[in-house]
Amino acid sequence: MSDPIILVENLSKCYKIGRQATQGDGLRHVLERAVRAPFSWMRPGQSEKQGKTEDFWAVRDVSMQIKQGEMMGVIGRNGAGKSTLLKLLSRITEPTSGKIRLRGRVASLLEVGTGFHPELTGRENIFLNGAILGMSRVEIKRKFDEITAFAEIDRFLDTPVKRYSSGMYVRLAFAVAAHLEPEILIVDEVLAVGDAEFQKKCLGKMEDVSSKEGRTVILVSHQMTAIQNLCTRCILMDRGQLMMEGKTDDVVNAYMYKGAELAMSGLSDRSDRSGEGQVRITSIDLRDPSGSIIAEAIAGNDVVVSLAFSVKPGVVLNDCIVCVEIAKDLKTYFALSSALVDTKKLQLSGEGRIDFMIRDWPLSGGTYHVNIYVESDLVTQDFLNDASVIEVIDGDFYGSGKLVHSGWQGTSVLVKHSWNLVQC
């Protein structure tokens, strides 16, 4: 058996988080601390108070092997440690402990613009990236036309990349990373920035790089369809730890089952939510138009998705946005936003409800998940995937007295339509 191209042993990364002091950080306070420092030994516990930090293990005790030519998927919820793991593998971040052994050149596409110099042109950055990867100028020239054709930004090659849009950045960055023949290609969720056609093009290129050219690809994505179609093996990360490794379908199914379990638990018990926490969504209910709580949504009926919230005492949040996603099998079917349907600004304080009215519920029978997001003044306050579940039963959506065809349940959004036969 050949040696693995990537070998990870007991890999961990710890960050120190927390403020250095509870008092002000102005010049006056700095001078005060300098004067008082010689006498700090007289006040037990004072130094601990001012220097209090907390260890945050972004990645903890991860071990795995990846063979040459393998396409490995990495999945997990936000904050699971996926991006940190890729930065460690890319040698962007040094590990706190553990070992990483790589055989071959590594090209990584982790964030928009990573590895580009903003003042240099697209043409110059192609050669810069190639040199970083250890390619000779002759090798880069040989691949140059393929790179520019794939990126489709020929007109802007001699423009400084600081003037590129995020989509143009991604096009060029992926084209460089995929065509300069690295033995290992590492790609994060950054492809989501591109348009749908270019995403499809990138996914096809990654498949060619792995299956036809025998190179190793590590892909992080929330698009489970892409993971299942491209990756033969997959790992599941949760809170910095590797929870499961194996065949892609087995790992993805375990991930989705875990999401269903979380959605059934109460919001007050959830520790995996993020945001500043000045406001929290405390419960999610379905209601009919009169305000009465209902157990299920019926396709074709008007349904209210009701979010109860609680703002910290004495706090008033201005310019708020509340968003809800309705998803199934990690695919979002539709999204609701308080900011898109109204021009007036939303202010939150105390306790209350945000009710979203959905006319003619457009989904067929099945179990759907609810993701929530709340922000104020451009600051995330509450963000949680799988916050709740919605049970939907089929109804007379089209007003024809018929239900959807067998096999259509939970596969698409229902759209009212008509047809007419035109004889030629």
Protein backbone atom coordinates (compact mmCIF):
# COMPACT_ATOMS: atom_id res chain seq x y z
CA MET A 1 0.00 0.00 0.00
CA SER A 2 1.40 3.44 -0.96
CA ASP A 3 2.08 6.07 1.68
CA PRO A 4 -0.70 8.65 2.18
CA ILE A 5 -0.15 11.99 0.47
CA ILE A 6 -1.56 13.71 3.59
CA LEU A 7 -0.95 12.37 7.10
CA VAL A 8 -2.41 14.20 10.10
CA GLU A 9 -1.59 13.05 13.64
CA ASN A 10 -3.22 14.47 16.78
CA LEU A 11 -3.57 17.92 15.22
CA SER A 12 -4.78 20.75 17.49
CA LYS A 13 -5.05 24.52 17.25
CA CYS A 14 -5.80 26.71 20.28
CA TYR A 15 -6.56 30.44 20.24
CA LYS A 16 -6.53 32.80 23.21
CA ILE A 17 -9.69 34.86 23.39
CA GLY A 18 -10.85 37.52 25.83
CA ARG A 19 -10.00 41.09 26.79
CA GLN A 20 -6.83 41.97 28.64
CA ALA A 21 -8.57 44.23 31.14
CA THR A 22 -12.02 45.31 32.20
CA GLN A 23 -11.08 49.00 32.50
CA GLY A 24 -10.48 51.48 29.68
CA ASP A 25 -7.72 51.08 27.13
CA GLY A 26 -6.88 54.76 26.62
CA LEU A 27 -3.44 56.31 27.19
CA ARG A 28 -4.37 57.41 30.73
CA HIS A 29 -5.29 53.84 31.70
CA VAL A 30 -2.10 52.45 30.17
CA LEU A 31 0.00 54.89 32.23
CA GLU A 32 -1.99 54.08 35.38
CA ARG A 33 -1.35 50.35 34.92
CA ALA A 34 2.37 51.02 34.36
CA VAL A 35 2.63 53.03 37.58
CA ARG A 36 0.64 50.53 39.62
CA ALA A 37 2.31 47.42 38.20
CA PRO A 38 5.13 47.30 40.80
CA PHE A 39 2.53 47.06 43.56
CA SER A 40 0.28 44.50 41.92
CA TRP A 41 1.73 41.74 44.12
CA MET A 42 -0.01 43.42 47.08
CA ARG A 43 -3.43 42.73 45.55
CA PRO A 44 -3.87 38.96 45.16
CA GLY A 45 -5.82 37.99 42.05
CA GLN A 46 -5.49 41.41 40.44
CA SER A 47 -3.09 40.27 37.72
CA GLU A 48 -5.35 37.34 36.90
CA LYS A 49 -8.30 39.69 36.54
CA GLN A 50 -6.46 42.01 34.14
CA GLY A 51 -4.90 39.27 32.06
CA LYS A 52 -7.82 36.87 32.00
CA THR A 53 -8.10 34.97 28.74
CA GLU A 54 -9.88 31.85 27.62
CA ASP A 55 -8.60 28.94 25.55
CA PHE A 56 -10.61 28.23 22.43
CA TRP A 57 -9.77 24.98 20.66
CA ALA A 58 -10.69 25.55 17.01
CA VAL A 59 -9.28 22.11 16.12
CA ARG A 60 -8.60 19.40 18.68
CA ASP A 61 -6.83 16.04 18.37
CA VAL A 62 -7.65 15.39 14.69
CA SER A 63 -5.98 12.42 12.99
CA MET A 64 -6.59 11.24 9.43
CA GLN A 65 -4.96 9.96 6.24
CA ILE A 66 -5.72 10.94 2.64
CA LYS A 67 -4.43 8.95 -0.32
CA GLN A 68 -3.17 10.31 -3.61
CA GLY A 69 -5.95 10.97 -6.13
CA GLU A 70 -8.63 10.95 -3.46
CA MET A 71 -11.33 13.60 -3.26
CA MET A 72 -12.15 14.21 0.39
CA GLY A 73 -15.18 16.19 1.55
CA VAL A 74 -15.22 18.11 4.83
CA ILE A 75 -18.64 18.98 6.28
CA GLY A 76 -19.96 20.41 9.52
CA ARG A 77 -21.88 23.34 10.87
CA ASN A 78 -20.58 26.91 11.10
CA GLY A 79 -17.85 27.05 13.74
CA ALA A 80 -17.09 23.32 13.50
CA GLY A 81 -13.41 23.97 12.67
CA LYS A 82 -13.48 23.20 8.94
CA SER A 83 -11.77 26.39 7.76
CA THR A 84 -9.18 26.24 10.53
CA LEU A 85 -8.34 22.67 9.54
CA LEU A 86 -7.79 23.77 5.93
CA LYS A 87 -5.57 26.68 7.03
CA LEU A 88 -3.47 24.24 9.03
CA LEU A 89 -3.17 21.88 6.06
CA SER A 90 -2.27 24.84 3.82
CA ARG A 91 0.46 25.91 6.30
CA ILE A 92 -1.19 29.31 6.66
CA THR A 93 -1.61 28.72 10.40
CA GLU A 94 0.81 26.93 12.70
CA PRO A 95 -0.67 24.13 14.82
CA THR A 96 -0.58 24.28 18.61
CA SER A 97 0.30 20.58 18.69
CA GLY A 98 0.35 17.57 16.41
CA LYS A 99 1.93 16.79 13.06
CA ILE A 100 1.07 17.33 9.38
CA ARG A 101 2.97 15.51 6.65
CA LEU A 102 2.35 16.51 3.04
CA ARG A 103 3.91 14.95 -0.05
CA GLY A 104 3.77 17.46 -2.89
CA ARG A 105 2.84 21.04 -3.64
CA VAL A 106 -0.30 22.49 -2.11
CA ALA A 107 -2.60 25.07 -3.75
CA SER A 108 -5.38 26.46 -1.59
CA LEU A 109 -8.40 28.62 -2.28
CA LEU A 110 -9.68 29.57 1.17
CA GLU A 111 -10.77 33.21 1.04
CA VAL A 112 -11.46 35.64 -1.77
CA GLY A 113 -8.15 37.20 -2.81
CA THR A 114 -5.91 34.99 -0.68
CA GLY A 115 -2.39 35.02 -2.15
CA PHE A 116 -3.07 37.95 -4.50
CA HIS A 117 -1.25 41.27 -4.26
CA PRO A 118 -3.90 43.98 -4.74
CA GLU A 119 -1.57 46.41 -6.55
CA LEU A 120 -0.48 43.84 -9.13
CA THR A 121 -2.45 43.04 -12.27
CA GLY A 122 -4.19 39.76 -12.91
CA ARG A 123 -1.36 38.76 -15.27
CA GLU A 124 1.31 39.52 -12.66
CA ASN A 125 -0.59 37.69 -9.95
CA ILE A 126 -0.73 34.53 -12.09
CA PHE A 127 3.06 34.51 -12.22
CA LEU A 128 3.33 35.42 -8.51
CA ASN A 129 1.05 32.55 -7.48
CA GLY A 130 2.91 30.16 -9.73
CA ALA A 131 6.23 31.17 -8.18
CA ILE A 132 4.80 30.66 -4.68
CA LEU A 133 3.77 27.15 -5.72
CA GLY A 134 7.31 26.47 -6.92
CA MET A 135 6.57 26.61 -10.64
CA SER A 136 9.16 27.89 -13.09
CA ARG A 137 8.37 30.78 -15.41
CA VAL A 138 8.38 28.38 -18.35
CA GLU A 139 5.80 26.13 -16.65
CA ILE A 140 3.55 29.09 -15.86
CA LYS A 141 3.75 30.39 -19.43
CA ARG A 142 2.76 26.95 -20.71
CA LYS A 143 -0.42 27.04 -18.60
CA PHE A 144 -1.13 30.76 -19.00
CA ASP A 145 -3.60 30.54 -21.89
CA GLU A 146 -5.58 27.74 -20.18
CA ILE A 147 -5.82 29.81 -16.99
CA THR A 148 -7.07 32.96 -18.71
CA ALA A 149 -9.55 31.01 -20.85
CA PHE A 150 -10.98 29.26 -17.79
CA ALA A 151 -11.25 32.48 -15.74
CA GLU A 152 -12.95 34.35 -18.63
CA ILE A 153 -11.46 37.71 -17.60
CA ASP A 154 -9.14 38.31 -20.58
CA ARG A 155 -10.11 41.99 -20.87
CA PHE A 156 -9.06 42.68 -17.28
CA LEU A 157 -5.75 40.78 -17.15
CA ASP A 158 -3.73 44.01 -17.09
CA THR A 159 -5.97 45.66 -14.48
CA PRO A 160 -4.85 45.71 -10.80
CA VAL A 161 -6.82 43.03 -8.96
CA LYS A 162 -7.85 45.55 -6.27
CA ARG A 163 -10.40 46.72 -8.85
CA TYR A 164 -11.81 43.22 -9.38
CA SER A 165 -15.21 42.22 -8.07
CA SER A 166 -15.37 39.27 -5.65
CA GLY A 167 -16.62 37.09 -8.52
CA MET A 168 -13.64 38.03 -10.71
CA TYR A 169 -11.27 37.34 -7.80
CA VAL A 170 -12.70 33.84 -7.42
CA ARG A 171 -12.59 33.12 -11.14
CA LEU A 172 -8.92 33.98 -11.40
CA ALA A 173 -7.90 32.45 -8.05
CA PHE A 174 -9.54 29.10 -8.83
CA ALA A 175 -8.17 29.04 -12.37
CA VAL A 176 -4.63 29.59 -11.05
CA ALA A 177 -4.97 27.05 -8.23
CA ALA A 178 -6.43 24.33 -10.46
CA HIS A 179 -4.18 24.74 -13.51
CA LEU A 180 -0.72 25.14 -11.99
CA GLU A 181 -0.61 21.41 -11.31
CA PRO A 182 -0.42 21.16 -7.51
CA GLU A 183 -0.38 17.65 -6.08
CA ILE A 184 -2.92 18.78 -3.46
CA LEU A 185 -5.78 21.23 -4.10
CA ILE A 186 -7.65 22.61 -1.08
CA VAL A 187 -10.91 24.49 -1.71
CA ASP A 188 -13.14 26.15 0.89
CA GLU A 189 -16.73 27.41 0.53
CA VAL A 190 -15.37 30.44 -1.35
CA LEU A 191 -16.79 29.04 -4.63
CA ALA A 192 -20.23 30.10 -3.38
CA VAL A 193 -19.28 33.67 -4.36
CA GLY A 194 -19.29 32.82 -8.07
CA ASP A 195 -22.31 32.53 -10.32
CA ALA A 196 -24.05 29.19 -10.79
CA GLU A 197 -22.53 28.52 -14.21
CA PHE A 198 -19.00 29.13 -12.98
CA GLN A 199 -19.58 26.97 -9.87
CA LYS A 200 -20.58 24.10 -12.16
CA LYS A 201 -17.47 24.69 -14.23
CA CYS A 202 -15.27 24.63 -11.10
CA LEU A 203 -16.85 21.43 -9.80
CA GLY A 204 -16.24 19.77 -13.16
CA LYS A 205 -12.62 20.89 -13.11
CA MET A 206 -12.12 19.48 -9.60
CA GLU A 207 -13.53 16.16 -10.72
CA ASP A 208 -11.08 16.11 -13.65
CA VAL A 209 -8.15 17.07 -11.42
CA SER A 210 -8.93 14.17 -9.09
CA SER A 211 -10.12 11.36 -11.37
CA LYS A 212 -8.15 12.04 -14.58
CA GLU A 213 -4.99 13.73 -13.32
CA GLY A 214 -4.66 11.72 -10.11
CA ARG A 215 -4.35 14.75 -7.85
CA THR A 216 -5.75 15.04 -4.34
CA VAL A 217 -8.63 17.44 -3.63
CA ILE A 218 -10.02 18.50 -0.26
CA LEU A 219 -13.38 20.25 -0.55
CA VAL A 220 -15.33 22.10 2.15
CA SER A 221 -18.92 22.87 1.15
CA HIS A 222 -22.41 23.22 2.57
CA GLN A 223 -23.76 21.99 -0.77
CA MET A 224 -24.36 18.36 0.06
CA THR A 225 -25.18 17.55 -3.57
CA ALA A 226 -21.68 18.63 -4.63
CA ILE A 227 -20.09 16.67 -1.78
CA GLN A 228 -22.06 13.52 -2.61
CA ASN A 229 -21.44 13.75 -6.36
CA LEU A 230 -17.71 14.47 -6.17
CA CYS A 231 -16.28 12.98 -2.98
CA THR A 232 -15.66 9.29 -2.36
CA ARG A 233 -14.86 9.86 1.32
CA CYS A 234 -15.92 12.49 3.79
CA ILE A 235 -15.20 13.68 7.33
CA LEU A 236 -17.62 15.34 9.73
CA MET A 237 -16.30 18.09 12.03
CA ASP A 238 -18.06 19.36 15.15
CA ARG A 239 -16.63 21.85 17.65
CA GLY A 240 -13.13 21.29 16.42
CA GLN A 241 -13.19 17.52 16.60
CA LEU A 242 -13.40 14.86 13.92
CA MET A 243 -16.68 13.14 14.71
CA MET A 244 -16.92 10.71 11.79
CA GLU A 245 -14.93 9.54 8.78
CA GLY A 246 -16.05 7.17 6.05
CA LYS A 247 -18.07 6.82 2.87
CA THR A 248 -19.63 10.09 1.78
CA ASP A 249 -23.27 8.93 1.88
CA ASP A 250 -22.86 7.50 5.40
CA VAL A 251 -21.28 10.68 6.76
CA VAL A 252 -23.80 13.01 5.07
CA ASN A 253 -26.73 10.95 6.38
CA ALA A 254 -25.31 11.09 9.91
CA TYR A 255 -24.89 14.86 9.58
CA MET A 256 -28.48 15.39 8.48
CA TYR A 257 -29.80 13.08 11.21
CA LYS A 258 -27.92 15.13 13.79
CA GLY A 259 -29.49 18.29 12.37
CA ALA A 260 -32.96 16.79 12.78
CA GLU A 261 -32.18 15.95 16.43
CA LEU A 262 -31.06 19.51 17.12
CA ALA A 263 -34.16 20.98 15.47
CA MET A 264 -36.39 18.96 17.79
CA SER A 265 -34.69 20.26 20.96
CA GLY A 266 -35.73 23.48 22.71
CA LEU A 267 -34.02 26.73 21.69
CA SER A 268 -33.08 27.52 25.30
CA ASP A 269 -30.90 24.40 25.39
CA ARG A 270 -28.94 25.22 22.23
CA SER A 271 -25.28 26.11 22.74
CA ASP A 272 -24.36 26.07 19.04
CA ARG A 273 -25.90 29.44 18.19
CA SER A 274 -23.69 32.44 17.43
CA GLY A 275 -23.99 36.23 17.50
CA GLU A 276 -23.73 39.01 20.08
CA GLY A 277 -26.81 37.74 21.92
CA GLN A 278 -28.46 41.09 22.67
CA VAL A 279 -31.60 39.46 21.28
CA ARG A 280 -32.44 35.77 21.08
CA ILE A 281 -35.21 33.93 19.28
CA THR A 282 -36.86 31.95 22.10
CA SER A 283 -39.43 29.85 20.22
CA ILE A 284 -40.78 29.19 16.73
CA ASP A 285 -44.42 28.31 16.04
CA LEU A 286 -46.74 27.83 13.09
CA ARG A 287 -49.99 29.79 13.19
CA ASP A 288 -53.04 30.22 11.01
CA PRO A 289 -54.00 33.70 9.77
CA SER A 290 -56.15 34.26 12.88
CA GLY A 291 -53.12 33.74 15.15
CA SER A 292 -53.97 30.31 16.51
CA ILE A 293 -51.07 27.84 16.80
CA ILE A 294 -51.26 24.92 14.35
CA ALA A 295 -49.29 21.67 14.28
CA GLU A 296 -48.71 21.42 10.53
CA ALA A 297 -48.62 23.53 7.39
CA ILE A 298 -50.93 22.45 4.57
CA ALA A 299 -49.79 23.01 1.01
CA GLY A 300 -51.88 25.79 -0.53
CA ASN A 301 -53.08 27.26 2.80
CA ASP A 302 -51.95 30.59 4.27
CA VAL A 303 -49.44 29.93 7.06
CA VAL A 304 -47.72 32.21 9.60
CA VAL A 305 -44.19 31.42 10.80
CA SER A 306 -44.02 33.07 14.22
CA LEU A 307 -40.71 33.85 15.95
CA ALA A 308 -40.84 34.86 19.61
CA PHE A 309 -37.90 37.03 20.69
CA SER A 310 -36.42 38.41 23.89
CA VAL A 311 -34.12 41.45 24.07
CA LYS A 312 -31.85 42.00 27.05
CA PRO A 313 -33.39 44.37 29.67
CA GLY A 314 -32.75 48.03 28.96
CA VAL A 315 -31.48 47.38 25.42
CA VAL A 316 -33.07 48.86 22.31
CA LEU A 317 -31.86 47.47 18.98
CA ASN A 318 -32.21 49.66 15.90
CA ASP A 319 -32.15 48.87 12.19
CA CYS A 320 -32.83 45.17 12.73
CA ILE A 321 -33.20 42.46 10.11
CA VAL A 322 -34.84 39.10 10.83
CA CYS A 323 -34.40 36.31 8.31
CA VAL A 324 -35.82 32.77 8.12
CA GLU A 325 -34.75 29.97 5.79
CA ILE A 326 -36.91 26.93 5.10
CA ALA A 327 -34.71 23.99 4.10
CA LYS A 328 -34.81 20.25 3.57
CA ASP A 329 -31.83 17.91 3.23
CA LEU A 330 -29.57 20.97 3.57
CA LYS A 331 -31.17 22.58 0.50
CA THR A 332 -32.86 25.95 1.03
CA TYR A 333 -36.31 26.08 -0.60
CA PHE A 334 -37.18 29.68 0.20
CA ALA A 335 -36.13 32.50 2.52
CA LEU A 336 -38.00 35.26 4.34
CA SER A 337 -36.58 38.66 5.28
CA SER A 338 -38.10 41.54 7.22
CA ALA A 339 -35.91 43.99 5.27
CA LEU A 340 -36.94 42.93 1.76
CA VAL A 341 -40.68 43.36 2.02
CA ASP A 342 -40.85 46.66 3.90
CA THR A 343 -39.03 50.01 3.75
CA LYS A 344 -39.50 50.97 7.40
CA LYS A 345 -36.75 50.07 9.87
CA LEU A 346 -37.39 47.39 12.47
CA GLN A 347 -36.68 48.22 16.12
CA LEU A 348 -36.63 45.50 18.80
CA SER A 349 -36.87 45.79 22.57
CA GLY A 350 -38.38 43.77 25.43
CA GLU A 351 -40.24 40.65 24.32
CA GLY A 352 -42.53 40.04 21.38
CA ARG A 353 -43.08 38.16 18.11
CA ILE A 354 -42.15 38.56 14.50
CA ASP A 355 -44.84 36.96 12.32
CA PHE A 356 -44.09 36.09 8.70
CA MET A 357 -47.21 35.45 6.60
CA ILE A 358 -46.73 33.01 3.70
CA ARG A 359 -49.59 33.01 1.22
CA ASP A 360 -50.50 29.65 -0.31
CA TRP A 361 -47.78 27.60 1.42
CA PRO A 362 -45.70 26.46 -1.61
CA LEU A 363 -44.14 23.21 -0.36
CA SER A 364 -45.46 19.67 -0.59
CA GLY A 365 -45.55 17.11 2.20
CA GLY A 366 -42.46 16.41 4.29
CA THR A 367 -40.35 17.61 7.19
CA TYR A 368 -38.53 20.91 6.69
CA HIS A 369 -35.91 22.65 8.82
CA VAL A 370 -35.90 26.29 9.93
CA ASN A 371 -32.71 28.37 10.04
CA ILE A 372 -32.81 31.81 11.68
CA TYR A 373 -30.72 34.97 11.52
CA VAL A 374 -31.12 38.29 13.37
CA GLU A 375 -28.91 41.36 13.02
CA SER A 376 -28.96 44.97 14.22
CA ASP A 377 -26.86 47.80 12.78
CA LEU A 378 -25.01 45.26 10.60
CA VAL A 379 -23.98 43.19 13.65
CA THR A 380 -25.08 39.54 13.89
CA GLN A 381 -27.15 39.06 17.06
CA ASP A 382 -28.53 35.53 16.69
CA PHE A 383 -27.72 32.88 14.11
CA LEU A 384 -28.80 29.26 14.34
CA ASN A 385 -29.17 26.43 11.86
CA ASP A 386 -31.85 23.77 12.44
CA ALA A 387 -33.65 25.99 14.94
CA SER A 388 -36.93 24.14 14.47
CA VAL A 389 -38.82 21.79 12.14
CA ILE A 390 -42.01 22.32 10.16
CA GLU A 391 -44.22 19.38 9.25
CA VAL A 392 -46.04 19.87 5.96
CA ILE A 393 -48.91 17.79 4.60
CA ASP A 394 -50.13 17.83 1.03
CA GLY A 395 -53.16 19.93 0.22
CA ASP A 396 -55.17 21.18 -2.75
CA PHE A 397 -52.48 23.69 -3.74
CA TYR A 398 -53.68 24.07 -7.34
CA GLY A 399 -57.40 24.23 -6.52
CA SER A 400 -58.07 21.27 -8.80
CA GLY A 401 -59.00 18.83 -6.07
CA LYS A 402 -55.80 16.88 -6.74
CA LEU A 403 -52.63 16.39 -4.70
CA VAL A 404 -49.13 16.49 -6.21
CA HIS A 405 -47.91 13.47 -8.11
CA SER A 406 -46.45 10.59 -6.15
CA GLY A 407 -42.71 11.12 -5.70
CA TRP A 408 -42.93 14.91 -5.85
CA GLN A 409 -43.11 15.30 -2.07
CA GLY A 410 -40.33 17.49 -0.73
CA THR A 411 -38.51 17.81 -4.04
CA SER A 412 -39.42 21.28 -5.31
CA VAL A 413 -41.30 24.51 -4.70
CA LEU A 414 -44.91 24.44 -5.91
CA VAL A 415 -45.80 27.14 -8.44
CA LYS A 416 -49.32 27.92 -9.58
CA HIS A 417 -49.53 27.66 -13.33
CA SER A 418 -51.82 26.86 -16.24
CA TRP A 419 -51.48 25.23 -19.63
CA ASN A 420 -53.05 25.49 -23.04
CA LEU A 421 -52.84 23.20 -26.04
CA VAL A 422 -51.98 24.92 -29.30
CA GLN A 423 -52.55 22.62 -32.28
CA CYS A 424 -50.10 23.10 -35.15
